[in-house]
C-alpha cells in the first residue's frame, strides 16, 4: 500500500472512531487517544521580502514534531473545535486533528499530515505527486480532480478524491532540500461536505498549512 493510501485509510478510521462514537477502529479496538491539552501554537506570517514564505494562517498553528535532521518544518492550522489526536503519530503520520462537534453520518471531520522522504525513489515533483496519488487507487479510492499549485514557494497539487464513499481533499507539497526530496501531504475529510463551518475550517487548514525548509 502506498504511503498516501495509508493516510487515506487512517483518517477514515480516525473519523469513524472519534470521541463519543461507539464504532471501533478497523485496525484495533482501542478508542482514539485525543489530547485535550492546549497545543503549542505560533504564527509564521508571510513577508514581502521572503517570496518563499508561507501565507499567514488564520488559525493557531500546531507545530508537528520532526523525525530527522534536514526535514521540512511542518505546522498545521488548528481552528476552534479541532482537537489533536496522537494515536496514529509515527514516522509517516506527523499529526491529526479531529472535530467531533461537526460529526455527521457516523463520521467526524479530520485533517492529517504525512511526510515522506522520496529521495532515490522519484526525481521530480510530478513523480512525487504521482507516487502519492497512486496510493489512493491502491486502497480503492477515486481521484476526481487534480489542480497544480504552489505552496510555501514549493510545487504542489490539490487533489479531490473519494475514499470509502466520502469526499476528501489532499494538498501535496514537494519540497527539495539539497539532495533530499520530500512529499508532505495534508488530507482533509468529512461525510458532510456542504456544512458551512466545515467548508470555512477546511479552507483555513489548507491555506494556512506551513512547510518551511530548515535554514542552511
N, C-alpha and C. Protein backbone atom coordinates (compact mmCIF):
# COMPACT_ATOMS: atom_id res chain seq x y z
N UNK A 1 0.83 -1.19 0.00
CA UNK A 1 0.00 0.00 0.00
C UNK A 1 0.87 1.24 0.00
N UNK A 2 0.56 2.23 -0.82
CA UNK A 2 1.31 3.47 -0.86
C UNK A 2 1.14 4.26 0.42
N UNK A 3 2.11 5.15 0.69
CA UNK A 3 2.07 5.91 1.92
C UNK A 3 0.84 6.81 1.98
N UNK A 4 0.51 7.47 0.87
CA UNK A 4 -0.66 8.33 0.84
C UNK A 4 -1.92 7.49 1.02
N UNK A 5 -1.93 6.28 0.47
CA UNK A 5 -3.05 5.39 0.67
C UNK A 5 -3.22 5.02 2.13
N UNK A 6 -2.10 4.84 2.83
CA UNK A 6 -2.16 4.56 4.26
C UNK A 6 -2.84 5.70 4.99
N UNK A 7 -2.45 6.95 4.67
CA UNK A 7 -3.06 8.09 5.33
C UNK A 7 -4.54 8.15 5.03
N UNK A 8 -4.92 7.88 3.77
CA UNK A 8 -6.34 7.94 3.40
C UNK A 8 -7.16 6.99 4.26
N UNK A 9 -6.63 5.79 4.48
CA UNK A 9 -7.35 4.84 5.33
C UNK A 9 -7.30 5.25 6.79
N UNK A 10 -6.16 5.75 7.24
CA UNK A 10 -6.02 6.12 8.64
C UNK A 10 -7.00 7.23 9.03
N UNK A 11 -7.13 8.25 8.18
CA UNK A 11 -8.04 9.33 8.53
C UNK A 11 -9.48 8.85 8.45
N UNK A 12 -9.75 7.88 7.60
CA UNK A 12 -11.09 7.29 7.58
C UNK A 12 -11.37 6.57 8.89
N UNK A 13 -10.40 5.82 9.37
CA UNK A 13 -10.55 5.09 10.62
C UNK A 13 -10.74 6.06 11.78
N UNK A 14 -9.92 7.10 11.83
CA UNK A 14 -9.99 8.00 12.98
C UNK A 14 -11.27 8.80 12.95
N UNK A 15 -11.82 9.06 11.76
CA UNK A 15 -13.09 9.76 11.68
C UNK A 15 -14.23 8.90 12.21
N UNK A 16 -14.16 7.61 11.97
CA UNK A 16 -15.20 6.70 12.44
C UNK A 16 -15.10 6.47 13.93
N UNK A 17 -13.90 6.56 14.49
CA UNK A 17 -13.69 6.21 15.89
C UNK A 17 -13.44 7.42 16.76
N UNK A 18 -13.92 8.58 16.35
CA UNK A 18 -13.71 9.80 17.11
C UNK A 18 -14.41 9.74 18.46
N UNK A 19 -14.05 10.69 19.31
CA UNK A 19 -14.61 10.72 20.66
C UNK A 19 -16.13 10.73 20.61
N UNK A 20 -16.74 9.89 21.43
CA UNK A 20 -18.20 9.88 21.51
C UNK A 20 -18.85 8.88 20.58
N UNK A 21 -18.07 8.19 19.76
CA UNK A 21 -18.64 7.22 18.83
C UNK A 21 -18.41 5.82 19.37
N UNK A 22 -19.38 4.94 19.17
CA UNK A 22 -19.26 3.58 19.67
C UNK A 22 -18.59 2.65 18.68
N UNK A 23 -18.35 3.11 17.45
CA UNK A 23 -17.74 2.24 16.44
C UNK A 23 -16.25 2.19 16.64
N UNK A 24 -15.61 1.02 16.80
CA UNK A 24 -14.18 0.91 17.00
C UNK A 24 -13.44 1.08 15.70
N UNK A 25 -12.13 1.43 15.76
CA UNK A 25 -11.32 1.49 14.56
C UNK A 25 -11.20 0.12 13.92
N UNK A 26 -10.94 0.11 12.60
CA UNK A 26 -10.80 -1.14 11.89
C UNK A 26 -9.54 -1.88 12.29
N UNK A 27 -8.50 -1.14 12.73
CA UNK A 27 -7.21 -1.76 12.98
C UNK A 27 -7.09 -2.31 14.39
N UNK A 28 -7.80 -1.71 15.39
CA UNK A 28 -7.76 -2.23 16.74
C UNK A 28 -8.98 -1.72 17.48
N UNK A 29 -9.23 -2.25 18.66
CA UNK A 29 -10.44 -1.92 19.38
C UNK A 29 -10.29 -0.80 20.38
N UNK A 30 -9.14 -0.18 20.50
CA UNK A 30 -8.95 0.87 21.47
C UNK A 30 -9.54 2.17 20.97
N UNK A 31 -10.12 2.98 21.85
CA UNK A 31 -10.61 4.28 21.41
C UNK A 31 -9.46 5.17 21.01
N UNK A 32 -9.74 6.11 20.14
CA UNK A 32 -8.71 7.03 19.69
C UNK A 32 -8.28 7.91 20.85
N UNK A 33 -6.99 7.98 21.07
CA UNK A 33 -6.48 8.84 22.14
C UNK A 33 -6.41 10.27 21.62
N UNK A 34 -7.16 11.16 22.27
CA UNK A 34 -7.19 12.55 21.84
C UNK A 34 -6.69 13.42 22.97
N UNK A 35 -5.71 14.25 22.67
CA UNK A 35 -5.16 15.16 23.67
C UNK A 35 -6.09 16.34 23.84
N UNK A 36 -6.49 16.63 25.09
CA UNK A 36 -7.34 17.77 25.37
C UNK A 36 -6.51 18.96 25.83
N UNK A 37 -5.20 18.81 25.90
CA UNK A 37 -4.35 19.89 26.36
C UNK A 37 -4.21 20.94 25.28
N UNK A 38 -3.95 22.17 25.70
CA UNK A 38 -3.74 23.26 24.76
C UNK A 38 -2.49 23.00 23.95
N UNK A 39 -2.59 23.10 22.64
CA UNK A 39 -1.46 22.83 21.77
C UNK A 39 -0.52 24.03 21.72
N UNK A 40 0.76 23.76 21.52
CA UNK A 40 1.72 24.84 21.31
C UNK A 40 1.42 25.49 19.96
N UNK A 41 1.30 26.79 19.94
CA UNK A 41 0.96 27.49 18.71
C UNK A 41 1.97 28.56 18.42
N UNK A 42 2.06 28.93 17.16
CA UNK A 42 2.91 30.03 16.73
C UNK A 42 2.36 30.56 15.44
N UNK A 43 2.77 31.73 15.06
CA UNK A 43 2.36 32.33 13.79
C UNK A 43 3.58 32.47 12.91
N UNK A 44 3.43 32.12 11.65
CA UNK A 44 4.51 32.25 10.68
C UNK A 44 4.00 33.14 9.56
N UNK A 45 4.07 34.47 9.73
CA UNK A 45 3.49 35.37 8.74
C UNK A 45 4.28 35.40 7.45
N UNK A 46 3.58 35.70 6.37
CA UNK A 46 4.25 35.90 5.10
C UNK A 46 4.99 37.22 5.12
N UNK A 47 6.00 37.37 4.29
CA UNK A 47 6.79 38.59 4.25
C UNK A 47 7.05 38.97 2.80
N UNK A 48 6.96 40.28 2.51
CA UNK A 48 7.15 40.74 1.14
C UNK A 48 8.56 40.48 0.65
N UNK A 49 9.54 40.47 1.58
CA UNK A 49 10.92 40.25 1.14
C UNK A 49 11.32 38.79 1.26
N UNK A 50 10.35 37.91 1.51
CA UNK A 50 10.61 36.47 1.55
C UNK A 50 9.61 35.79 0.61
N UNK A 51 9.92 35.74 -0.69
CA UNK A 51 8.96 35.22 -1.65
C UNK A 51 8.59 33.75 -1.44
N UNK A 52 9.43 33.01 -0.69
CA UNK A 52 9.15 31.60 -0.48
C UNK A 52 8.42 31.36 0.84
N UNK A 53 8.10 32.46 1.56
CA UNK A 53 7.45 32.31 2.85
C UNK A 53 6.02 31.80 2.68
N UNK A 54 5.53 31.12 3.72
CA UNK A 54 4.16 30.64 3.71
C UNK A 54 3.20 31.80 3.99
N UNK A 55 1.98 31.65 3.53
CA UNK A 55 0.95 32.62 3.84
C UNK A 55 0.63 32.55 5.33
N UNK A 56 0.17 33.66 5.87
CA UNK A 56 -0.18 33.69 7.29
C UNK A 56 -1.41 32.85 7.55
N UNK A 57 -1.38 32.10 8.63
CA UNK A 57 -2.51 31.24 8.97
C UNK A 57 -3.58 32.03 9.70
N UNK A 58 -4.84 31.72 9.40
CA UNK A 58 -5.97 32.37 10.06
C UNK A 58 -6.33 31.69 11.38
N UNK A 59 -5.63 30.61 11.72
CA UNK A 59 -5.88 29.89 12.98
C UNK A 59 -4.55 29.62 13.66
N UNK A 60 -4.57 29.36 14.97
CA UNK A 60 -3.33 28.99 15.65
C UNK A 60 -2.69 27.79 14.98
N UNK A 61 -1.36 27.75 15.03
CA UNK A 61 -0.62 26.69 14.35
C UNK A 61 -0.12 25.65 15.35
N UNK A 62 -0.36 24.39 15.00
CA UNK A 62 0.15 23.27 15.76
C UNK A 62 1.46 22.81 15.13
N UNK A 63 2.56 22.99 15.82
CA UNK A 63 3.85 22.56 15.29
C UNK A 63 3.95 21.03 15.36
N UNK A 64 4.37 20.42 14.26
CA UNK A 64 4.47 18.97 14.19
C UNK A 64 5.92 18.54 14.36
N UNK A 65 6.13 17.53 15.14
CA UNK A 65 7.47 17.11 15.52
C UNK A 65 8.24 16.54 14.34
N UNK A 66 9.49 17.00 14.17
CA UNK A 66 10.37 16.44 13.14
C UNK A 66 10.90 15.09 13.58
N UNK A 67 11.23 14.24 12.60
CA UNK A 67 11.73 12.91 12.89
C UNK A 67 13.20 12.73 12.51
N UNK A 68 13.74 13.64 11.68
CA UNK A 68 15.12 13.50 11.22
C UNK A 68 15.68 14.87 10.88
N UNK A 69 17.00 15.05 11.00
CA UNK A 69 17.62 16.33 10.64
C UNK A 69 17.40 16.66 9.17
N UNK A 70 17.19 17.93 8.88
CA UNK A 70 17.05 18.37 7.50
C UNK A 70 15.66 18.29 6.94
N UNK A 71 14.72 17.72 7.70
CA UNK A 71 13.34 17.65 7.23
C UNK A 71 12.69 19.03 7.18
N UNK A 72 11.70 19.20 6.30
CA UNK A 72 10.91 20.43 6.36
C UNK A 72 10.21 20.55 7.71
N UNK A 73 10.07 21.78 8.18
CA UNK A 73 9.34 22.04 9.42
C UNK A 73 7.87 22.24 9.07
N UNK A 74 6.99 21.50 9.73
CA UNK A 74 5.57 21.48 9.39
C UNK A 74 4.74 22.05 10.54
N UNK A 75 3.68 22.77 10.18
CA UNK A 75 2.74 23.27 11.18
C UNK A 75 1.34 23.23 10.59
N UNK A 76 0.39 22.75 11.40
CA UNK A 76 -0.98 22.51 10.95
C UNK A 76 -1.92 23.52 11.61
N UNK A 77 -2.67 24.31 10.83
CA UNK A 77 -3.66 25.20 11.43
C UNK A 77 -4.69 24.41 12.23
N UNK A 78 -5.07 24.95 13.38
CA UNK A 78 -6.00 24.25 14.27
C UNK A 78 -7.16 25.19 14.62
N UNK A 79 -8.19 25.23 13.77
CA UNK A 79 -9.36 26.08 14.06
C UNK A 79 -10.07 25.63 15.34
N UNK A 80 -10.93 26.50 15.85
CA UNK A 80 -11.71 26.17 17.04
C UNK A 80 -12.48 24.86 16.83
N UNK A 81 -12.43 24.00 17.83
CA UNK A 81 -13.18 22.75 17.79
C UNK A 81 -12.42 21.57 17.22
N UNK A 82 -11.25 21.81 16.65
CA UNK A 82 -10.44 20.73 16.09
C UNK A 82 -9.42 20.31 17.14
N UNK A 83 -9.51 19.05 17.55
CA UNK A 83 -8.73 18.55 18.68
C UNK A 83 -7.62 17.62 18.19
N UNK A 84 -6.46 17.75 18.77
CA UNK A 84 -5.29 16.94 18.40
C UNK A 84 -5.48 15.50 18.81
N UNK A 85 -5.28 14.57 17.89
CA UNK A 85 -5.25 13.14 18.17
C UNK A 85 -3.83 12.64 17.98
N UNK A 86 -3.33 11.85 18.93
CA UNK A 86 -1.95 11.38 18.87
C UNK A 86 -1.84 9.88 18.62
N UNK A 87 -2.96 9.17 18.54
CA UNK A 87 -2.92 7.70 18.48
C UNK A 87 -2.11 7.18 17.31
N UNK A 88 -2.17 7.84 16.17
CA UNK A 88 -1.53 7.31 14.96
C UNK A 88 -0.22 8.01 14.62
N UNK A 89 0.29 8.87 15.50
CA UNK A 89 1.55 9.55 15.22
C UNK A 89 2.67 8.54 14.98
N UNK A 90 3.46 8.80 13.95
CA UNK A 90 4.53 7.88 13.59
C UNK A 90 5.54 8.61 12.72
N UNK A 91 6.52 7.87 12.22
CA UNK A 91 7.49 8.47 11.30
C UNK A 91 6.80 9.00 10.05
N UNK A 92 5.74 8.32 9.63
CA UNK A 92 4.98 8.76 8.45
C UNK A 92 3.93 9.80 8.81
N UNK A 93 3.07 9.49 9.79
CA UNK A 93 1.96 10.37 10.14
C UNK A 93 2.44 11.34 11.21
N UNK A 94 2.45 12.65 10.87
CA UNK A 94 3.03 13.64 11.76
C UNK A 94 1.99 14.33 12.64
N UNK A 95 0.72 14.24 12.28
CA UNK A 95 -0.28 14.86 13.12
C UNK A 95 -1.67 14.74 12.53
N UNK A 96 -2.67 14.58 13.41
CA UNK A 96 -4.07 14.51 13.01
C UNK A 96 -4.89 15.36 13.97
N UNK A 97 -5.84 16.12 13.42
CA UNK A 97 -6.80 16.84 14.25
C UNK A 97 -8.21 16.41 13.84
N UNK A 98 -9.11 16.37 14.82
CA UNK A 98 -10.46 15.85 14.61
C UNK A 98 -11.47 16.85 15.18
N UNK A 99 -12.61 17.02 14.48
CA UNK A 99 -13.67 17.87 15.00
C UNK A 99 -14.92 17.02 15.24
N UNK A 100 -15.08 16.57 16.47
CA UNK A 100 -16.22 15.71 16.80
C UNK A 100 -17.52 16.51 16.86
N UNK A 101 -17.42 17.83 17.05
CA UNK A 101 -18.63 18.65 17.10
C UNK A 101 -19.33 18.73 15.75
N UNK A 102 -18.57 18.49 14.66
CA UNK A 102 -19.15 18.52 13.31
C UNK A 102 -19.50 17.12 12.81
N UNK A 103 -19.56 16.18 13.73
CA UNK A 103 -19.81 14.79 13.34
C UNK A 103 -21.14 14.65 12.62
N UNK A 104 -21.15 13.92 11.52
CA UNK A 104 -22.37 13.66 10.75
C UNK A 104 -22.24 12.32 10.06
N UNK A 105 -23.34 11.61 9.94
CA UNK A 105 -23.34 10.31 9.26
C UNK A 105 -22.30 9.36 9.85
N UNK A 106 -22.21 9.37 11.19
CA UNK A 106 -21.28 8.49 11.91
C UNK A 106 -19.82 8.71 11.53
N UNK A 107 -19.48 9.96 11.22
CA UNK A 107 -18.09 10.25 10.84
C UNK A 107 -17.74 11.66 11.29
N UNK A 108 -16.55 11.80 11.89
CA UNK A 108 -16.08 13.11 12.33
C UNK A 108 -15.05 13.66 11.35
N UNK A 109 -15.22 14.92 10.90
CA UNK A 109 -14.22 15.51 10.02
C UNK A 109 -12.84 15.50 10.66
N UNK A 110 -11.82 15.30 9.85
CA UNK A 110 -10.46 15.26 10.37
C UNK A 110 -9.48 15.73 9.32
N UNK A 111 -8.30 16.11 9.79
CA UNK A 111 -7.21 16.53 8.90
C UNK A 111 -5.94 15.84 9.37
N UNK A 112 -5.21 15.24 8.43
CA UNK A 112 -4.00 14.51 8.78
C UNK A 112 -2.84 14.90 7.88
N UNK A 113 -1.65 14.89 8.45
CA UNK A 113 -0.43 15.28 7.72
C UNK A 113 0.56 14.13 7.73
N UNK A 114 1.09 13.81 6.55
CA UNK A 114 2.21 12.87 6.46
C UNK A 114 3.41 13.57 5.84
N UNK A 115 4.58 13.04 6.12
CA UNK A 115 5.81 13.49 5.46
C UNK A 115 6.59 12.25 5.06
N UNK A 116 6.95 12.20 3.78
CA UNK A 116 7.69 11.04 3.27
C UNK A 116 8.95 11.50 2.55
N UNK A 117 10.07 10.87 2.87
CA UNK A 117 11.33 11.12 2.17
C UNK A 117 11.35 10.25 0.91
N UNK A 118 11.25 10.90 -0.25
CA UNK A 118 11.20 10.18 -1.53
C UNK A 118 12.54 10.19 -2.25
N UNK A 119 13.59 10.59 -1.55
CA UNK A 119 14.92 10.63 -2.15
C UNK A 119 15.31 9.26 -2.68
N UNK A 120 15.72 9.20 -3.95
CA UNK A 120 16.11 7.95 -4.57
C UNK A 120 14.96 7.14 -5.11
N UNK A 121 13.74 7.54 -4.79
CA UNK A 121 12.56 6.84 -5.29
C UNK A 121 11.94 7.56 -6.48
N UNK A 122 11.97 8.87 -6.46
CA UNK A 122 11.49 9.70 -7.57
C UNK A 122 12.50 10.82 -7.78
N UNK A 123 12.41 11.48 -8.95
CA UNK A 123 13.38 12.52 -9.26
C UNK A 123 12.76 13.90 -9.41
N UNK A 124 11.47 13.97 -9.66
CA UNK A 124 10.83 15.26 -9.91
C UNK A 124 9.60 15.43 -9.03
N UNK A 125 9.16 16.69 -8.82
CA UNK A 125 7.92 16.90 -8.07
C UNK A 125 6.72 16.17 -8.68
N UNK A 126 6.60 16.17 -10.00
CA UNK A 126 5.47 15.49 -10.62
C UNK A 126 5.48 14.00 -10.31
N UNK A 127 6.67 13.40 -10.34
CA UNK A 127 6.76 11.99 -9.98
C UNK A 127 6.38 11.77 -8.52
N UNK A 128 6.70 12.75 -7.68
CA UNK A 128 6.31 12.65 -6.27
C UNK A 128 4.80 12.71 -6.13
N UNK A 129 4.15 13.63 -6.87
CA UNK A 129 2.69 13.72 -6.83
C UNK A 129 2.06 12.41 -7.32
N UNK A 130 2.58 11.90 -8.43
CA UNK A 130 2.04 10.66 -8.97
C UNK A 130 2.17 9.51 -7.98
N UNK A 131 3.32 9.44 -7.33
CA UNK A 131 3.54 8.35 -6.38
C UNK A 131 2.56 8.44 -5.21
N UNK A 132 2.32 9.65 -4.72
CA UNK A 132 1.40 9.82 -3.60
C UNK A 132 -0.04 9.49 -4.01
N UNK A 133 -0.45 10.00 -5.17
CA UNK A 133 -1.82 9.80 -5.61
C UNK A 133 -2.11 8.36 -6.01
N UNK A 134 -1.10 7.64 -6.47
CA UNK A 134 -1.30 6.23 -6.80
C UNK A 134 -1.73 5.43 -5.58
N UNK A 135 -1.37 5.92 -4.40
CA UNK A 135 -1.77 5.22 -3.18
C UNK A 135 -3.27 5.21 -2.97
N UNK A 136 -3.96 6.24 -3.47
CA UNK A 136 -5.41 6.28 -3.32
C UNK A 136 -6.06 5.13 -4.08
N UNK A 137 -5.62 4.93 -5.32
CA UNK A 137 -6.17 3.84 -6.13
C UNK A 137 -5.89 2.48 -5.49
N UNK A 138 -4.75 2.37 -4.82
CA UNK A 138 -4.39 1.10 -4.21
C UNK A 138 -5.32 0.70 -3.08
N UNK A 139 -5.99 1.67 -2.48
CA UNK A 139 -6.92 1.35 -1.39
C UNK A 139 -8.37 1.57 -1.81
N UNK A 140 -8.61 1.61 -3.12
CA UNK A 140 -9.98 1.70 -3.62
C UNK A 140 -10.54 3.09 -3.73
N UNK A 141 -9.69 4.11 -3.61
CA UNK A 141 -10.15 5.49 -3.76
C UNK A 141 -10.20 5.90 -5.21
N UNK A 142 -10.91 7.00 -5.48
CA UNK A 142 -11.06 7.50 -6.84
C UNK A 142 -10.69 8.98 -6.88
N UNK A 143 -9.68 9.31 -7.68
CA UNK A 143 -9.28 10.70 -7.86
C UNK A 143 -10.29 11.39 -8.78
N UNK A 144 -10.85 12.50 -8.33
CA UNK A 144 -11.84 13.22 -9.12
C UNK A 144 -11.26 14.44 -9.82
N UNK A 145 -10.25 15.06 -9.24
CA UNK A 145 -9.63 16.22 -9.88
C UNK A 145 -8.24 16.46 -9.30
N UNK A 146 -7.38 17.08 -10.12
CA UNK A 146 -6.04 17.48 -9.70
C UNK A 146 -5.78 18.89 -10.21
N UNK A 147 -5.31 19.77 -9.33
CA UNK A 147 -5.03 21.15 -9.71
C UNK A 147 -3.61 21.51 -9.32
N UNK A 148 -2.74 21.80 -10.30
CA UNK A 148 -1.38 22.24 -9.97
C UNK A 148 -1.40 23.54 -9.18
N UNK A 149 -0.46 23.68 -8.27
CA UNK A 149 -0.43 24.85 -7.42
C UNK A 149 0.98 25.05 -6.90
N UNK A 150 1.15 26.05 -6.06
CA UNK A 150 2.37 26.21 -5.28
C UNK A 150 1.96 26.47 -3.85
N UNK A 151 2.82 26.06 -2.92
CA UNK A 151 2.50 26.27 -1.51
C UNK A 151 3.80 26.51 -0.76
N UNK A 152 3.86 27.60 -0.05
CA UNK A 152 5.08 27.98 0.67
C UNK A 152 6.28 28.03 -0.29
N UNK A 153 6.02 28.47 -1.53
CA UNK A 153 7.09 28.59 -2.51
C UNK A 153 7.51 27.28 -3.14
N UNK A 154 6.82 26.19 -2.84
CA UNK A 154 7.19 24.88 -3.36
C UNK A 154 6.09 24.38 -4.32
N UNK A 155 6.46 23.56 -5.31
CA UNK A 155 5.43 22.98 -6.19
C UNK A 155 4.47 22.12 -5.41
N UNK A 156 3.20 22.20 -5.80
CA UNK A 156 2.17 21.47 -5.05
C UNK A 156 1.05 21.07 -6.00
N UNK A 157 0.19 20.20 -5.53
CA UNK A 157 -1.02 19.82 -6.25
C UNK A 157 -2.14 19.66 -5.23
N UNK A 158 -3.33 20.09 -5.61
CA UNK A 158 -4.52 19.89 -4.78
C UNK A 158 -5.40 18.86 -5.48
N UNK A 159 -5.70 17.79 -4.78
CA UNK A 159 -6.47 16.68 -5.37
C UNK A 159 -7.73 16.44 -4.57
N UNK A 160 -8.85 16.32 -5.27
CA UNK A 160 -10.11 15.90 -4.66
C UNK A 160 -10.34 14.43 -5.01
N UNK A 161 -10.74 13.66 -4.03
CA UNK A 161 -10.96 12.24 -4.27
C UNK A 161 -12.03 11.72 -3.32
N UNK A 162 -12.46 10.50 -3.55
CA UNK A 162 -13.42 9.83 -2.67
C UNK A 162 -12.78 8.55 -2.15
N UNK A 163 -12.97 8.33 -0.85
CA UNK A 163 -12.45 7.11 -0.23
C UNK A 163 -13.54 6.57 0.69
N UNK A 164 -13.91 5.31 0.51
CA UNK A 164 -14.99 4.68 1.27
C UNK A 164 -16.28 5.51 1.16
N UNK A 165 -16.50 6.11 -0.01
CA UNK A 165 -17.71 6.85 -0.28
C UNK A 165 -17.71 8.28 0.23
N UNK A 166 -16.65 8.71 0.93
CA UNK A 166 -16.61 10.05 1.49
C UNK A 166 -15.66 10.94 0.69
N UNK A 167 -16.00 12.24 0.57
CA UNK A 167 -15.13 13.16 -0.15
C UNK A 167 -13.95 13.61 0.71
N UNK A 168 -12.81 13.78 0.06
CA UNK A 168 -11.61 14.25 0.74
C UNK A 168 -10.83 15.16 -0.20
N UNK A 169 -10.07 16.05 0.39
CA UNK A 169 -9.18 16.92 -0.38
C UNK A 169 -7.78 16.78 0.17
N UNK A 170 -6.81 16.64 -0.72
CA UNK A 170 -5.41 16.50 -0.32
C UNK A 170 -4.58 17.61 -0.94
N UNK A 171 -3.75 18.22 -0.13
CA UNK A 171 -2.73 19.15 -0.60
C UNK A 171 -1.40 18.43 -0.48
N UNK A 172 -0.74 18.23 -1.62
CA UNK A 172 0.56 17.55 -1.63
C UNK A 172 1.62 18.56 -2.04
N UNK A 173 2.64 18.71 -1.22
CA UNK A 173 3.71 19.67 -1.46
C UNK A 173 5.01 18.90 -1.63
N UNK A 174 5.71 19.14 -2.73
CA UNK A 174 7.01 18.52 -2.97
C UNK A 174 8.10 19.52 -2.60
N UNK A 175 8.93 19.18 -1.66
CA UNK A 175 9.95 20.10 -1.16
C UNK A 175 11.32 19.48 -1.30
N UNK A 176 12.23 20.21 -1.95
CA UNK A 176 13.58 19.72 -2.14
C UNK A 176 14.54 20.51 -1.26
N UNK A 177 15.34 19.79 -0.50
CA UNK A 177 16.33 20.41 0.37
C UNK A 177 17.68 19.77 0.08
N UNK A 178 18.52 20.51 -0.68
CA UNK A 178 19.79 19.97 -1.17
C UNK A 178 19.52 18.71 -1.99
N UNK A 179 20.03 17.56 -1.58
CA UNK A 179 19.83 16.34 -2.36
C UNK A 179 18.64 15.52 -1.89
N UNK A 180 17.83 16.08 -0.99
CA UNK A 180 16.67 15.38 -0.46
C UNK A 180 15.38 15.89 -1.12
N UNK A 181 14.45 14.97 -1.39
CA UNK A 181 13.15 15.33 -1.94
C UNK A 181 12.08 14.74 -1.03
N UNK A 182 11.24 15.62 -0.49
CA UNK A 182 10.19 15.22 0.43
C UNK A 182 8.82 15.47 -0.18
N UNK A 183 7.84 14.68 0.24
CA UNK A 183 6.45 14.92 -0.10
C UNK A 183 5.67 15.05 1.21
N UNK A 184 5.11 16.24 1.43
CA UNK A 184 4.23 16.47 2.57
C UNK A 184 2.79 16.45 2.08
N UNK A 185 1.95 15.66 2.70
CA UNK A 185 0.56 15.54 2.28
C UNK A 185 -0.37 15.88 3.43
N UNK A 186 -1.25 16.84 3.18
CA UNK A 186 -2.30 17.22 4.12
C UNK A 186 -3.64 16.78 3.54
N UNK A 187 -4.35 15.93 4.25
CA UNK A 187 -5.65 15.43 3.80
C UNK A 187 -6.74 15.88 4.76
N UNK A 188 -7.81 16.45 4.20
CA UNK A 188 -8.97 16.89 4.99
C UNK A 188 -10.19 16.13 4.49
N UNK A 189 -10.96 15.54 5.41
CA UNK A 189 -12.02 14.62 5.02
C UNK A 189 -13.26 14.80 5.89
N UNK A 190 -14.43 14.58 5.30
CA UNK A 190 -15.68 14.71 6.02
C UNK A 190 -16.72 13.77 5.39
N UNK A 191 -17.87 13.66 6.05
CA UNK A 191 -19.02 12.97 5.46
C UNK A 191 -20.15 13.94 5.17
N UNK A 192 -19.92 15.22 5.45
CA UNK A 192 -20.92 16.26 5.21
C UNK A 192 -20.24 17.47 4.55
N UNK A 193 -19.90 17.35 3.26
CA UNK A 193 -19.05 18.35 2.60
C UNK A 193 -19.70 19.72 2.44
N UNK A 194 -21.02 19.84 2.60
CA UNK A 194 -21.68 21.13 2.43
C UNK A 194 -21.86 21.89 3.74
N UNK A 195 -21.40 21.33 4.83
CA UNK A 195 -21.51 22.01 6.11
C UNK A 195 -20.69 23.31 6.07
N UNK A 196 -21.30 24.48 6.30
CA UNK A 196 -20.58 25.74 6.13
C UNK A 196 -19.41 25.92 7.09
N UNK A 197 -19.54 25.40 8.32
CA UNK A 197 -18.42 25.51 9.26
C UNK A 197 -17.25 24.65 8.79
N UNK A 198 -17.56 23.45 8.30
CA UNK A 198 -16.50 22.60 7.76
C UNK A 198 -15.82 23.26 6.57
N UNK A 199 -16.59 23.82 5.67
CA UNK A 199 -16.00 24.46 4.49
C UNK A 199 -15.08 25.60 4.89
N UNK A 200 -15.49 26.40 5.87
CA UNK A 200 -14.64 27.50 6.34
C UNK A 200 -13.37 26.96 6.98
N UNK A 201 -13.51 25.96 7.84
CA UNK A 201 -12.35 25.39 8.53
C UNK A 201 -11.42 24.68 7.55
N UNK A 202 -11.99 23.99 6.58
CA UNK A 202 -11.18 23.31 5.57
C UNK A 202 -10.30 24.31 4.82
N UNK A 203 -10.87 25.43 4.43
CA UNK A 203 -10.09 26.46 3.73
C UNK A 203 -8.98 27.00 4.63
N UNK A 204 -9.31 27.23 5.90
CA UNK A 204 -8.31 27.71 6.84
C UNK A 204 -7.16 26.73 6.98
N UNK A 205 -7.49 25.45 7.08
CA UNK A 205 -6.46 24.41 7.26
C UNK A 205 -5.59 24.28 6.02
N UNK A 206 -6.20 24.23 4.84
CA UNK A 206 -5.43 24.07 3.61
C UNK A 206 -4.60 25.31 3.30
N UNK A 207 -5.21 26.49 3.42
CA UNK A 207 -4.49 27.72 3.07
C UNK A 207 -3.36 28.01 4.04
N UNK A 208 -3.55 27.69 5.31
CA UNK A 208 -2.58 28.07 6.32
C UNK A 208 -1.54 27.02 6.66
N UNK A 209 -1.60 25.85 6.03
CA UNK A 209 -0.61 24.80 6.28
C UNK A 209 0.80 25.32 6.02
N UNK A 210 1.71 25.06 6.94
CA UNK A 210 3.06 25.62 6.87
C UNK A 210 4.10 24.54 6.57
N UNK A 211 4.96 24.82 5.63
CA UNK A 211 6.11 23.96 5.33
C UNK A 211 7.29 24.87 5.09
N UNK A 212 8.29 24.75 5.93
CA UNK A 212 9.50 25.57 5.77
C UNK A 212 10.74 24.68 5.81
N UNK A 213 11.63 24.91 4.87
CA UNK A 213 12.89 24.18 4.86
C UNK A 213 13.81 24.77 5.94
N UNK A 214 14.56 23.91 6.62
CA UNK A 214 15.46 24.43 7.65
C UNK A 214 16.52 25.32 7.02
N UNK A 215 16.88 26.35 7.76
CA UNK A 215 17.89 27.28 7.25
C UNK A 215 19.24 26.60 7.17
N UNK A 216 19.97 26.91 6.09
CA UNK A 216 21.28 26.29 5.87
C UNK A 216 22.33 26.93 6.79
